[in-house]
Amino acid sequence: MKYLLLIAVLSVSSFSMGQNLIPDQSGEKILVDNDKMKVVEHISQPEGDVCGLGMHHHEPHLTIVLTNSKVQITPEHGDTQDLEVQSGTTIWFDTAETHSVINSGDQPTKMILVYLKE
């Protein structure tokens, strides 16, 4: 299972990083959805939602940041934080805390979220 995830992540990362152009509109695109995992690409323009609309939550997942990004994260019950995240950063989120994330930079952000189904 670990090898399957690694292969999928490396394939998606190399494919996505090989793309020089980022579309002019925000949104999400499902890259893989099978019985083992779901892989979703998120693109956000400046001042746009980064990984979901408004306040939302996710199941446990791996996030792979594909662009240098400035984001503003607001948890449902907490203070807003401004963060700078470098391209190539990977983060495992094990909790489903409700939050919003806004692209606070002047460039589009692009990231991949990998959800395991087993």
PDB file of N, CA and C in Angstrom:
ATOM      1  N   MET A   1       0.824  -1.198   0.000  1.00  0.00           N
ATOM      2  CA  MET A   1       0.000   0.000   0.000  1.00  0.00           C
ATOM      3  C   MET A   1       0.864   1.255   0.000  1.00  0.00           C
ATOM      4  N   LYS A   2       1.931   1.257   0.815  1.00  0.00           N
ATOM      5  CA  LYS A   2       2.797   2.429   0.872  1.00  0.00           C
ATOM      6  C   LYS A   2       3.434   2.696  -0.486  1.00  0.00           C
ATOM      7  N   TYR A   3       3.824   1.620  -1.188  1.00  0.00           N
ATOM      8  CA  TYR A   3       4.449   1.788  -2.495  1.00  0.00           C
ATOM      9  C   TYR A   3       3.455   2.327  -3.518  1.00  0.00           C
ATOM     10  N   LEU A   4       2.209   1.875  -3.436  1.00  0.00           N
ATOM     11  CA  LEU A   4       1.175   2.363  -4.333  1.00  0.00           C
ATOM     12  C   LEU A   4       0.972   3.855  -4.142  1.00  0.00           C
ATOM     13  N   LEU A   5       0.900   4.302  -2.894  1.00  0.00           N
ATOM     14  CA  LEU A   5       0.743   5.719  -2.600  1.00  0.00           C
ATOM     15  C   LEU A   5       1.942   6.497  -3.101  1.00  0.00           C
ATOM     16  N   LEU A   6       3.148   6.007  -2.847  1.00  0.00           N
ATOM     17  CA  LEU A   6       4.361   6.701  -3.271  1.00  0.00           C
ATOM     18  C   LEU A   6       4.401   6.842  -4.786  1.00  0.00           C
ATOM     19  N   ILE A   7       4.073   5.787  -5.500  1.00  0.00           N
ATOM     20  CA  ILE A   7       4.078   5.839  -6.961  1.00  0.00           C
ATOM     21  C   ILE A   7       3.054   6.855  -7.459  1.00  0.00           C
ATOM     22  N   ALA A   8       1.859   6.844  -6.883  1.00  0.00           N
ATOM     23  CA  ALA A   8       0.824   7.793  -7.302  1.00  0.00           C
ATOM     24  C   ALA A   8       1.240   9.224  -7.016  1.00  0.00           C
ATOM     25  N   VAL A   9       1.794   9.469  -5.842  1.00  0.00           N
ATOM     26  CA  VAL A   9       2.215  10.819  -5.468  1.00  0.00           C
ATOM     27  C   VAL A   9       3.340  11.289  -6.377  1.00  0.00           C
ATOM     28  N   LEU A  10       4.336  10.454  -6.613  1.00  0.00           N
ATOM     29  CA  LEU A  10       5.444  10.842  -7.479  1.00  0.00           C
ATOM     30  C   LEU A  10       4.971  11.080  -8.905  1.00  0.00           C
ATOM     31  N   SER A  11       4.078  10.257  -9.390  1.00  0.00           N
ATOM     32  CA  SER A  11       3.559  10.429 -10.747  1.00  0.00           C
ATOM     33  C   SER A  11       2.789  11.734 -10.869  1.00  0.00           C
ATOM     34  N   VAL A  12       1.906  11.994  -9.918  1.00  0.00           N
ATOM     35  CA  VAL A  12       1.116  13.216  -9.950  1.00  0.00           C
ATOM     36  C   VAL A  12       2.009  14.425  -9.767  1.00  0.00           C
ATOM     37  N   SER A  13       2.967  14.357  -8.839  1.00  0.00           N
ATOM     38  CA  SER A  13       3.860  15.483  -8.588  1.00  0.00           C
ATOM     39  C   SER A  13       4.702  15.793  -9.809  1.00  0.00           C
ATOM     40  N   SER A  14       5.286  14.783 -10.433  1.00  0.00           N
ATOM     41  CA  SER A  14       6.140  15.041 -11.586  1.00  0.00           C
ATOM     42  C   SER A  14       5.311  15.550 -12.754  1.00  0.00           C
ATOM     43  N   PHE A  15       4.103  15.021 -12.932  1.00  0.00           N
ATOM     44  CA  PHE A  15       3.228  15.511 -13.988  1.00  0.00           C
ATOM     45  C   PHE A  15       2.861  16.970 -13.734  1.00  0.00           C
ATOM     46  N   SER A  16       2.451  17.281 -12.509  1.00  0.00           N
ATOM     47  CA  SER A  16       2.000  18.630 -12.185  1.00  0.00           C
ATOM     48  C   SER A  16       3.140  19.629 -12.208  1.00  0.00           C
ATOM     49  N   MET A  17       4.312  19.238 -11.699  1.00  0.00           N
ATOM     50  CA  MET A  17       5.440  20.159 -11.689  1.00  0.00           C
ATOM     51  C   MET A  17       5.972  20.385 -13.101  1.00  0.00           C
ATOM     52  N   GLY A  18       5.725  19.457 -13.992  1.00  0.00           N
ATOM     53  CA  GLY A  18       6.149  19.609 -15.370  1.00  0.00           C
ATOM     54  C   GLY A  18       5.272  20.577 -16.140  1.00  0.00           C
ATOM     55  N   GLN A  19       4.146  20.934 -15.586  1.00  0.00           N
ATOM     56  CA  GLN A  19       3.251  21.883 -16.214  1.00  0.00           C
ATOM     57  C   GLN A  19       3.718  23.293 -15.876  1.00  0.00           C
ATOM     58  N   ASN A  20       4.067  24.079 -16.868  1.00  0.00           N
ATOM     59  CA  ASN A  20       4.558  25.432 -16.619  1.00  0.00           C
ATOM     60  C   ASN A  20       3.432  26.436 -16.477  1.00  0.00           C
ATOM     61  N   LEU A  21       2.281  26.133 -17.021  1.00  0.00           N
ATOM     62  CA  LEU A  21       1.186  27.084 -17.002  1.00  0.00           C
ATOM     63  C   LEU A  21       0.169  26.713 -15.944  1.00  0.00           C
ATOM     64  N   ILE A  22      -0.317  27.708 -15.240  1.00  0.00           N
ATOM     65  CA  ILE A  22      -1.391  27.507 -14.276  1.00  0.00           C
ATOM     66  C   ILE A  22      -2.620  28.191 -14.855  1.00  0.00           C
ATOM     67  N   PRO A  23      -3.740  27.492 -14.946  1.00  0.00           N
ATOM     68  CA  PRO A  23      -4.943  28.085 -15.533  1.00  0.00           C
ATOM     69  C   PRO A  23      -5.337  29.385 -14.845  1.00  0.00           C
ATOM     70  N   ASP A  24      -6.101  30.202 -15.565  1.00  0.00           N
ATOM     71  CA  ASP A  24      -6.527  31.501 -15.051  1.00  0.00           C
ATOM     72  C   ASP A  24      -7.692  31.406 -14.082  1.00  0.00           C
ATOM     73  N   GLN A  25      -8.230  30.230 -13.869  1.00  0.00           N
ATOM     74  CA  GLN A  25      -9.351  30.127 -12.952  1.00  0.00           C
ATOM     75  C   GLN A  25      -9.059  29.131 -11.840  1.00  0.00           C
ATOM     76  N   SER A  26      -9.699  29.373 -10.714  1.00  0.00           N
ATOM     77  CA  SER A  26      -9.541  28.499  -9.559  1.00  0.00           C
ATOM     78  C   SER A  26     -10.430  27.283  -9.715  1.00  0.00           C
ATOM     79  N   GLY A  27     -10.126  26.270  -8.926  1.00  0.00           N
ATOM     80  CA  GLY A  27     -10.989  25.104  -8.908  1.00  0.00           C
ATOM     81  C   GLY A  27     -10.243  23.849  -8.533  1.00  0.00           C
ATOM     82  N   GLU A  28     -10.966  22.750  -8.572  1.00  0.00           N
ATOM     83  CA  GLU A  28     -10.362  21.469  -8.257  1.00  0.00           C
ATOM     84  C   GLU A  28     -10.601  20.506  -9.399  1.00  0.00           C
ATOM     85  N   LYS A  29      -9.666  19.571  -9.535  1.00  0.00           N
ATOM     86  CA  LYS A  29      -9.749  18.563 -10.587  1.00  0.00           C
ATOM     87  C   LYS A  29      -9.380  17.225  -9.970  1.00  0.00           C
ATOM     88  N   ILE A  30     -10.239  16.242 -10.132  1.00  0.00           N
ATOM     89  CA  ILE A  30      -9.946  14.902  -9.620  1.00  0.00           C
ATOM     90  C   ILE A  30      -9.022  14.215 -10.615  1.00  0.00           C
ATOM     91  N   LEU A  31      -7.822  13.854 -10.149  1.00  0.00           N
ATOM     92  CA  LEU A  31      -6.822  13.217 -10.998  1.00  0.00           C
ATOM     93  C   LEU A  31      -6.908  11.702 -10.944  1.00  0.00           C
ATOM     94  N   VAL A  32      -7.212  11.157  -9.760  1.00  0.00           N
ATOM     95  CA  VAL A  32      -7.350   9.714  -9.560  1.00  0.00           C
ATOM     96  C   VAL A  32      -8.478   9.499  -8.561  1.00  0.00           C
ATOM     97  N   ASP A  33      -9.345   8.552  -8.836  1.00  0.00           N
ATOM     98  CA  ASP A  33     -10.387   8.178  -7.876  1.00  0.00           C
ATOM     99  C   ASP A  33     -10.689   6.700  -8.094  1.00  0.00           C
ATOM    100  N   ASN A  34     -10.148   5.868  -7.201  1.00  0.00           N
ATOM    101  CA  ASN A  34     -10.376   4.428  -7.304  1.00  0.00           C
ATOM    102  C   ASN A  34     -10.658   3.868  -5.916  1.00  0.00           C
ATOM    103  N   ASP A  35     -10.634   2.559  -5.760  1.00  0.00           N
ATOM    104  CA  ASP A  35     -10.964   1.970  -4.464  1.00  0.00           C
ATOM    105  C   ASP A  35      -9.856   2.147  -3.434  1.00  0.00           C
ATOM    106  N   LYS A  36      -8.673   2.589  -3.833  1.00  0.00           N
ATOM    107  CA  LYS A  36      -7.537   2.763  -2.918  1.00  0.00           C
ATOM    108  C   LYS A  36      -7.340   4.212  -2.476  1.00  0.00           C
ATOM    109  N   MET A  37      -7.558   5.157  -3.398  1.00  0.00           N
ATOM    110  CA  MET A  37      -7.269   6.556  -3.083  1.00  0.00           C
ATOM    111  C   MET A  37      -8.036   7.504  -3.988  1.00  0.00           C
ATOM    112  N   LYS A  38      -8.063   8.760  -3.532  1.00  0.00           N
ATOM    113  CA  LYS A  38      -8.585   9.853  -4.350  1.00  0.00           C
ATOM    114  C   LYS A  38      -7.516  10.932  -4.350  1.00  0.00           C
ATOM    115  N   VAL A  39      -7.143  11.414  -5.534  1.00  0.00           N
ATOM    116  CA  VAL A  39      -6.116  12.445  -5.677  1.00  0.00           C
ATOM    117  C   VAL A  39      -6.771  13.648  -6.344  1.00  0.00           C
ATOM    118  N   VAL A  40      -6.699  14.803  -5.668  1.00  0.00           N
ATOM    119  CA  VAL A  40      -7.378  16.006  -6.143  1.00  0.00           C
ATOM    120  C   VAL A  40      -6.364  17.138  -6.282  1.00  0.00           C
ATOM    121  N   GLU A  41      -6.378  17.793  -7.441  1.00  0.00           N
ATOM    122  CA  GLU A  41      -5.541  18.975  -7.676  1.00  0.00           C
ATOM    123  C   GLU A  41      -6.381  20.215  -7.374  1.00  0.00           C
ATOM    124  N   HIS A  42      -5.827  21.120  -6.585  1.00  0.00           N
ATOM    125  CA  HIS A  42      -6.499  22.389  -6.275  1.00  0.00           C
ATOM    126  C   HIS A  42      -5.658  23.531  -6.822  1.00  0.00           C
ATOM    127  N   ILE A  43      -6.295  24.437  -7.548  1.00  0.00           N
ATOM    128  CA  ILE A  43      -5.643  25.646  -8.050  1.00  0.00           C
ATOM    129  C   ILE A  43      -6.438  26.831  -7.531  1.00  0.00           C
ATOM    130  N   SER A  44      -5.724  27.835  -7.033  1.00  0.00           N
ATOM    131  CA  SER A  44      -6.386  29.008  -6.470  1.00  0.00           C
ATOM    132  C   SER A  44      -5.716  30.278  -6.973  1.00  0.00           C
ATOM    133  N   GLN A  45      -6.508  31.197  -7.440  1.00  0.00           N
ATOM    134  CA  GLN A  45      -6.015  32.513  -7.833  1.00  0.00           C
ATOM    135  C   GLN A  45      -5.909  33.392  -6.583  1.00  0.00           C
ATOM    136  N   PRO A  46      -5.156  34.498  -6.645  1.00  0.00           N
ATOM    137  CA  PRO A  46      -5.064  35.400  -5.494  1.00  0.00           C
ATOM    138  C   PRO A  46      -6.444  35.784  -4.968  1.00  0.00           C
ATOM    139  N   GLU A  47      -6.571  35.762  -3.658  1.00  0.00           N
ATOM    140  CA  GLU A  47      -7.794  36.063  -2.909  1.00  0.00           C
ATOM    141  C   GLU A  47      -8.861  34.981  -3.051  1.00  0.00           C
ATOM    142  N   GLY A  48      -8.520  33.863  -3.690  1.00  0.00           N
ATOM    143  CA  GLY A  48      -9.478  32.772  -3.858  1.00  0.00           C
ATOM    144  C   GLY A  48      -9.316  31.707  -2.789  1.00  0.00           C
ATOM    145  N   ASP A  49     -10.341  30.870  -2.655  1.00  0.00           N
ATOM    146  CA  ASP A  49     -10.280  29.725  -1.745  1.00  0.00           C
ATOM    147  C   ASP A  49      -9.233  28.739  -2.254  1.00  0.00           C
ATOM    148  N   VAL A  50      -8.416  28.189  -1.349  1.00  0.00           N
ATOM    149  CA  VAL A  50      -7.291  27.338  -1.739  1.00  0.00           C
ATOM    150  C   VAL A  50      -7.678  25.872  -1.874  1.00  0.00           C
ATOM    151  N   CYS A  51      -8.387  25.307  -0.905  1.00  0.00           N
ATOM    152  CA  CYS A  51      -8.610  23.852  -0.905  1.00  0.00           C
ATOM    153  C   CYS A  51     -10.056  23.470  -0.639  1.00  0.00           C
ATOM    154  N   GLY A  52     -10.964  24.387  -0.792  1.00  0.00           N
ATOM    155  CA  GLY A  52     -12.384  24.152  -0.559  1.00  0.00           C
ATOM    156  C   GLY A  52     -13.075  25.497  -0.435  1.00  0.00           C
ATOM    157  N   LEU A  53     -14.381  25.526  -0.576  1.00  0.00           N
ATOM    158  CA  LEU A  53     -15.106  26.788  -0.533  1.00  0.00           C
ATOM    159  C   LEU A  53     -15.485  27.170   0.886  1.00  0.00           C
ATOM    160  N   GLY A  54     -15.116  28.392   1.283  1.00  0.00           N
ATOM    161  CA  GLY A  54     -15.474  28.883   2.606  1.00  0.00           C
ATOM    162  C   GLY A  54     -15.003  27.963   3.716  1.00  0.00           C
ATOM    163  N   MET A  55     -15.773  27.927   4.804  1.00  0.00           N
ATOM    164  CA  MET A  55     -15.461  27.009   5.903  1.00  0.00           C
ATOM    165  C   MET A  55     -15.777  25.587   5.455  1.00  0.00           C
ATOM    166  N   HIS A  56     -14.834  24.679   5.636  1.00  0.00           N
ATOM    167  CA  HIS A  56     -14.993  23.295   5.198  1.00  0.00           C
ATOM    168  C   HIS A  56     -14.051  22.411   6.002  1.00  0.00           C
ATOM    169  N   HIS A  57     -14.108  21.101   5.783  1.00  0.00           N
ATOM    170  CA  HIS A  57     -13.157  20.185   6.414  1.00  0.00           C
ATOM    171  C   HIS A  57     -12.841  19.058   5.437  1.00  0.00           C
ATOM    172  N   HIS A  58     -11.796  18.335   5.724  1.00  0.00           N
ATOM    173  CA  HIS A  58     -11.339  17.227   4.887  1.00  0.00           C
ATOM    174  C   HIS A  58     -11.205  15.973   5.744  1.00  0.00           C
ATOM    175  N   GLU A  59     -11.284  14.831   5.104  1.00  0.00           N
ATOM    176  CA  GLU A  59     -10.883  13.581   5.741  1.00  0.00           C
ATOM    177  C   GLU A  59      -9.356  13.611   5.853  1.00  0.00           C
ATOM    178  N   PRO A  60      -8.743  12.741   6.682  1.00  0.00           N
ATOM    179  CA  PRO A  60      -7.275  12.701   6.755  1.00  0.00           C
ATOM    180  C   PRO A  60      -6.680  12.584   5.346  1.00  0.00           C
ATOM    181  N   HIS A  61      -5.604  13.347   5.095  1.00  0.00           N
ATOM    182  CA  HIS A  61      -5.031  13.380   3.754  1.00  0.00           C
ATOM    183  C   HIS A  61      -3.597  13.899   3.772  1.00  0.00           C
ATOM    184  N   LEU A  62      -2.915  13.685   2.662  1.00  0.00           N
ATOM    185  CA  LEU A  62      -1.583  14.223   2.420  1.00  0.00           C
ATOM    186  C   LEU A  62      -1.729  15.399   1.474  1.00  0.00           C
ATOM    187  N   THR A  63      -1.140  16.545   1.831  1.00  0.00           N
ATOM    188  CA  THR A  63      -1.117  17.706   0.947  1.00  0.00           C
ATOM    189  C   THR A  63       0.292  17.863   0.395  1.00  0.00           C
ATOM    190  N   ILE A  64       0.392  18.064  -0.912  1.00  0.00           N
ATOM    191  CA  ILE A  64       1.663  18.317  -1.583  1.00  0.00           C
ATOM    192  C   ILE A  64       1.544  19.689  -2.234  1.00  0.00           C
ATOM    193  N   VAL A  65       2.342  20.648  -1.777  1.00  0.00           N
ATOM    194  CA  VAL A  65       2.296  22.010  -2.292  1.00  0.00           C
ATOM    195  C   VAL A  65       3.195  22.083  -3.527  1.00  0.00           C
ATOM    196  N   LEU A  66       2.648  22.555  -4.648  1.00  0.00           N
ATOM    197  CA  LEU A  66       3.385  22.573  -5.909  1.00  0.00           C
ATOM    198  C   LEU A  66       3.885  23.953  -6.311  1.00  0.00           C
ATOM    199  N   THR A  67       3.457  24.999  -5.596  1.00  0.00           N
ATOM    200  CA  THR A  67       3.923  26.355  -5.879  1.00  0.00           C
ATOM    201  C   THR A  67       4.276  27.037  -4.561  1.00  0.00           C
ATOM    202  N   ASN A  68       5.224  27.963  -4.590  1.00  0.00           N
ATOM    203  CA  ASN A  68       5.449  28.797  -3.410  1.00  0.00           C
ATOM    204  C   ASN A  68       4.142  29.540  -3.159  1.00  0.00           C
ATOM    205  N   SER A  69       3.672  29.525  -1.923  1.00  0.00           N
ATOM    206  CA  SER A  69       2.332  30.035  -1.643  1.00  0.00           C
ATOM    207  C   SER A  69       2.297  30.870  -0.374  1.00  0.00           C
ATOM    208  N   LYS A  70       1.466  31.899  -0.408  1.00  0.00           N
ATOM    209  CA  LYS A  70       1.124  32.664   0.787  1.00  0.00           C
ATOM    210  C   LYS A  70      -0.359  32.416   1.026  1.00  0.00           C
ATOM    211  N   VAL A  71      -0.684  31.940   2.227  1.00  0.00           N
ATOM    212  CA  VAL A  71      -2.073  31.614   2.532  1.00  0.00           C
ATOM    213  C   VAL A  71      -2.479  32.183   3.881  1.00  0.00           C
ATOM    214  N   GLN A  72      -3.772  32.402   4.023  1.00  0.00           N
ATOM    215  CA  GLN A  72      -4.359  32.839   5.283  1.00  0.00           C
ATOM    216  C   GLN A  72      -5.307  31.730   5.730  1.00  0.00           C
ATOM    217  N   ILE A  73      -4.981  31.105   6.866  1.00  0.00           N
ATOM    218  CA  ILE A  73      -5.762  29.985   7.385  1.00  0.00           C
ATOM    219  C   ILE A  73      -6.580  30.458   8.578  1.00  0.00           C
ATOM    220  N   THR A  74      -7.886  30.171   8.547  1.00  0.00           N
ATOM    221  CA  THR A  74      -8.769  30.534   9.649  1.00  0.00           C
ATOM    222  C   THR A  74      -9.491  29.283  10.134  1.00  0.00           C
ATOM    223  N   PRO A  75      -9.126  28.773  11.334  1.00  0.00           N
ATOM    224  CA  PRO A  75      -9.872  27.642  11.892  1.00  0.00           C
ATOM    225  C   PRO A  75     -11.234  28.121  12.391  1.00  0.00           C
ATOM    226  N   GLU A  76     -12.186  27.204  12.459  1.00  0.00           N
ATOM    227  CA  GLU A  76     -13.534  27.558  12.899  1.00  0.00           C
ATOM    228  C   GLU A  76     -13.515  28.188  14.291  1.00  0.00           C
ATOM    229  N   HIS A  77     -12.681  27.665  15.178  1.00  0.00           N
ATOM    230  CA  HIS A  77     -12.601  28.178  16.550  1.00  0.00           C
ATOM    231  C   HIS A  77     -11.157  28.552  16.850  1.00  0.00           C
ATOM    232  N   GLY A  78     -10.685  29.638  16.271  1.00  0.00           N
ATOM    233  CA  GLY A  78      -9.303  30.034  16.510  1.00  0.00           C
ATOM    234  C   GLY A  78      -8.959  31.293  15.746  1.00  0.00           C
ATOM    235  N   ASP A  79      -7.710  31.693  15.882  1.00  0.00           N
ATOM    236  CA  ASP A  79      -7.233  32.918  15.259  1.00  0.00           C
ATOM    237  C   ASP A  79      -6.706  32.654  13.852  1.00  0.00           C
ATOM    238  N   THR A  80      -6.874  33.640  12.986  1.00  0.00           N
ATOM    239  CA  THR A  80      -6.366  33.571  11.623  1.00  0.00           C
ATOM    240  C   THR A  80      -4.847  33.646  11.637  1.00  0.00           C
ATOM    241  N   GLN A  81      -4.207  32.828  10.789  1.00  0.00           N
ATOM    242  CA  GLN A  81      -2.748  32.822  10.667  1.00  0.00           C
ATOM    243  C   GLN A  81      -2.364  33.053   9.213  1.00  0.00           C
ATOM    244  N   ASP A  82      -1.314  33.851   9.004  1.00  0.00           N
ATOM    245  CA  ASP A  82      -0.736  34.040   7.679  1.00  0.00           C
ATOM    246  C   ASP A  82       0.510  33.185   7.586  1.00  0.00           C
ATOM    247  N   LEU A  83       0.600  32.358   6.534  1.00  0.00           N
ATOM    248  CA  LEU A  83       1.728  31.444   6.367  1.00  0.00           C
ATOM    249  C   LEU A  83       2.301  31.557   4.964  1.00  0.00           C
ATOM    250  N   GLU A  84       3.614  31.328   4.859  1.00  0.00           N
ATOM    251  CA  GLU A  84       4.267  31.165   3.566  1.00  0.00           C
ATOM    252  C   GLU A  84       4.722  29.720   3.483  1.00  0.00           C
ATOM    253  N   VAL A  85       4.336  29.032   2.416  1.00  0.00           N
ATOM    254  CA  VAL A  85       4.637  27.614   2.248  1.00  0.00           C
ATOM    255  C   VAL A  85       5.421  27.447   0.951  1.00  0.00           C
ATOM    256  N   GLN A  86       6.517  26.716   1.021  1.00  0.00           N
ATOM    257  CA  GLN A  86       7.386  26.534  -0.139  1.00  0.00           C
ATOM    258  C   GLN A  86       6.919  25.383  -1.027  1.00  0.00           C
ATOM    259  N   SER A  87       7.159  25.514  -2.309  1.00  0.00           N
ATOM    260  CA  SER A  87       6.897  24.438  -3.259  1.00  0.00           C
ATOM    261  C   SER A  87       7.645  23.186  -2.823  1.00  0.00           C
ATOM    262  N   GLY A  88       6.984  22.053  -2.891  1.00  0.00           N
ATOM    263  CA  GLY A  88       7.596  20.792  -2.476  1.00  0.00           C
ATOM    264  C   GLY A  88       7.267  20.392  -1.054  1.00  0.00           C
ATOM    265  N   THR A  89       6.651  21.283  -0.294  1.00  0.00           N
ATOM    266  CA  THR A  89       6.259  20.966   1.080  1.00  0.00           C
ATOM    267  C   THR A  89       5.174  19.894   1.068  1.00  0.00           C
ATOM    268  N   THR A  90       5.330  18.893   1.930  1.00  0.00           N
ATOM    269  CA  THR A  90       4.298  17.866   2.099  1.00  0.00           C
ATOM    270  C   THR A  90       3.855  17.865   3.558  1.00  0.00           C
ATOM    271  N   ILE A  91       2.552  17.757   3.766  1.00  0.00           N
ATOM    272  CA  ILE A  91       1.989  17.807   5.116  1.00  0.00           C
ATOM    273  C   ILE A  91       0.911  16.734   5.232  1.00  0.00           C
ATOM    274  N   TRP A  92       0.972  15.915   6.292  1.00  0.00           N
ATOM    275  CA  TRP A  92      -0.081  14.940   6.571  1.00  0.00           C
ATOM    276  C   TRP A  92      -1.043  15.558   7.574  1.00  0.00           C
ATOM    277  N   PHE A  93      -2.325  15.622   7.236  1.00  0.00           N
ATOM    278  CA  PHE A  93      -3.367  16.118   8.126  1.00  0.00           C
ATOM    279  C   PHE A  93      -4.186  14.926   8.596  1.00  0.00           C
ATOM    280  N   ASP A  94      -4.198  14.709   9.908  1.00  0.00           N
ATOM    281  CA  ASP A  94      -4.879  13.543  10.472  1.00  0.00           C
ATOM    282  C   ASP A  94      -6.238  13.892  11.068  1.00  0.00           C
ATOM    283  N   THR A  95      -6.534  15.171  11.179  1.00  0.00           N
ATOM    284  CA  THR A  95      -7.798  15.586  11.796  1.00  0.00           C
ATOM    285  C   THR A  95      -8.674  16.284  10.765  1.00  0.00           C
ATOM    286  N   ALA A  96      -9.938  16.403  11.082  1.00  0.00           N
ATOM    287  CA  ALA A  96     -10.901  17.017  10.168  1.00  0.00           C
ATOM    288  C   ALA A  96     -11.398  18.337  10.741  1.00  0.00           C
ATOM    289  N   GLU A  97     -10.487  19.219  11.130  1.00  0.00           N
ATOM    290  CA  GLU A  97     -10.866  20.508  11.697  1.00  0.00           C
ATOM    291  C   GLU A  97     -11.478  21.406  10.618  1.00  0.00           C
ATOM    292  N   THR A  98     -12.604  22.015  10.934  1.00  0.00           N
ATOM    293  CA  THR A  98     -13.242  22.941  10.005  1.00  0.00           C
ATOM    294  C   THR A  98     -12.396  24.205   9.908  1.00  0.00           C
ATOM    295  N   HIS A  99     -12.192  24.689   8.669  1.00  0.00           N
ATOM    296  CA  HIS A  99     -11.298  25.817   8.430  1.00  0.00           C
ATOM    297  C   HIS A  99     -11.619  26.463   7.080  1.00  0.00           C
ATOM    298  N   SER A 100     -11.026  27.622   6.852  1.00  0.00           N
ATOM    299  CA  SER A 100     -11.000  28.207   5.508  1.00  0.00           C
ATOM    300  C   SER A 100      -9.553  28.564   5.209  1.00  0.00           C
ATOM    301  N   VAL A 101      -9.186  28.494   3.931  1.00  0.00           N
ATOM    302  CA  VAL A 101      -7.828  28.851   3.504  1.00  0.00           C
ATOM    303  C   VAL A 101      -7.959  29.735   2.271  1.00  0.00           C
ATOM    304  N   ILE A 102      -7.372  30.932   2.346  1.00  0.00           N
ATOM    305  CA  ILE A 102      -7.429  31.906   1.255  1.00  0.00           C
ATOM    306  C   ILE A 102      -6.021  32.128   0.714  1.00  0.00           C
ATOM    307  N   ASN A 103      -5.890  32.238  -0.601  1.00  0.00           N
ATOM    308  CA  ASN A 103      -4.621  32.586  -1.237  1.00  0.00           C
ATOM    309  C   ASN A 103      -4.389  34.075  -0.981  1.00  0.00           C
ATOM    310  N   SER A 104      -3.455  34.399  -0.096  1.00  0.00           N
ATOM    311  CA  SER A 104      -3.189  35.794   0.252  1.00  0.00           C
ATOM    312  C   SER A 104      -2.016  36.366  -0.532  1.00  0.00           C
ATOM    313  N   GLY A 105      -1.468  35.592  -1.449  1.00  0.00           N
ATOM    314  CA  GLY A 105      -0.352  36.058  -2.269  1.00  0.00           C
ATOM    315  C   GLY A 105      -0.830  36.731  -3.540  1.00  0.00           C
ATOM    316  N   ASP A 106       0.134  37.067  -4.404  1.00  0.00           N
ATOM    317  CA  ASP A 106      -0.199  37.709  -5.675  1.00  0.00           C
ATOM    318  C   ASP A 106      -0.026  36.764  -6.865  1.00  0.00           C
ATOM    319  N   GLN A 107       0.189  35.474  -6.589  1.00  0.00           N
ATOM    320  CA  GLN A 107       0.339  34.458  -7.625  1.00  0.00           C
ATOM    321  C   GLN A 107      -0.633  33.307  -7.350  1.00  0.00           C
ATOM    322  N   PRO A 108      -0.996  32.539  -8.378  1.00  0.00           N
ATOM    323  CA  PRO A 108      -1.839  31.359  -8.152  1.00  0.00           C
ATOM    324  C   PRO A 108      -1.130  30.335  -7.267  1.00  0.00           C
ATOM    325  N   THR A 109      -1.903  29.567  -6.522  1.00  0.00           N
ATOM    326  CA  THR A 109      -1.362  28.440  -5.759  1.00  0.00           C
ATOM    327  C   THR A 109      -1.839  27.154  -6.421  1.00  0.00           C
ATOM    328  N   LYS A 110      -1.019  26.115  -6.281  1.00  0.00           N
ATOM    329  CA  LYS A 110      -1.385  24.810  -6.836  1.00  0.00           C
ATOM    330  C   LYS A 110      -0.935  23.755  -5.845  1.00  0.00           C
ATOM    331  N   MET A 111      -1.831  22.828  -5.520  1.00  0.00           N
ATOM    332  CA  MET A 111      -1.485  21.748  -4.602  1.00  0.00           C
ATOM    333  C   MET A 111      -2.271  20.494  -4.951  1.00  0.00           C
ATOM    334  N   ILE A 112      -1.762  19.378  -4.447  1.00  0.00           N
ATOM    335  CA  ILE A 112      -2.389  18.075  -4.630  1.00  0.00           C
ATOM    336  C   ILE A 112      -2.782  17.556  -3.250  1.00  0.00           C
ATOM    337  N   LEU A 113      -4.008  17.060  -3.109  1.00  0.00           N
ATOM    338  CA  LEU A 113      -4.453  16.403  -1.883  1.00  0.00           C
ATOM    339  C   LEU A 113      -4.693  14.933  -2.195  1.00  0.00           C
ATOM    340  N   VAL A 114      -4.111  14.046  -1.368  1.00  0.00           N
ATOM    341  CA  VAL A 114      -4.231  12.602  -1.557  1.00  0.00           C
ATOM    342  C   VAL A 114      -4.984  12.027  -0.366  1.00  0.00           C
ATOM    343  N   TYR A 115      -6.132  11.415  -0.637  1.00  0.00           N
ATOM    344  CA  TYR A 115      -6.958  10.785   0.387  1.00  0.00           C
ATOM    345  C   TYR A 115      -6.865   9.271   0.220  1.00  0.00           C
ATOM    346  N   LEU A 116      -6.511   8.558   1.291  1.00  0.00           N
ATOM    347  CA  LEU A 116      -6.489   7.099   1.252  1.00  0.00           C
ATOM    348  C   LEU A 116      -7.871   6.571   1.602  1.00  0.00           C
ATOM    349  N   LYS A 117      -8.290   5.521   0.946  1.00  0.00           N
ATOM    350  CA  LYS A 117      -9.615   4.955   1.192  1.00  0.00           C
ATOM    351  C   LYS A 117      -9.570   3.678   2.012  1.00  0.00           C
ATOM    352  N   GLU A 118      -8.394   3.154   2.288  1.00  0.00           N
ATOM    353  CA  GLU A 118      -8.283   1.922   3.080  1.00  0.00           C
ATOM    354  C   GLU A 118      -7.618   2.203   4.395  1.00  0.00           C
TER     355      GLU A 118
END
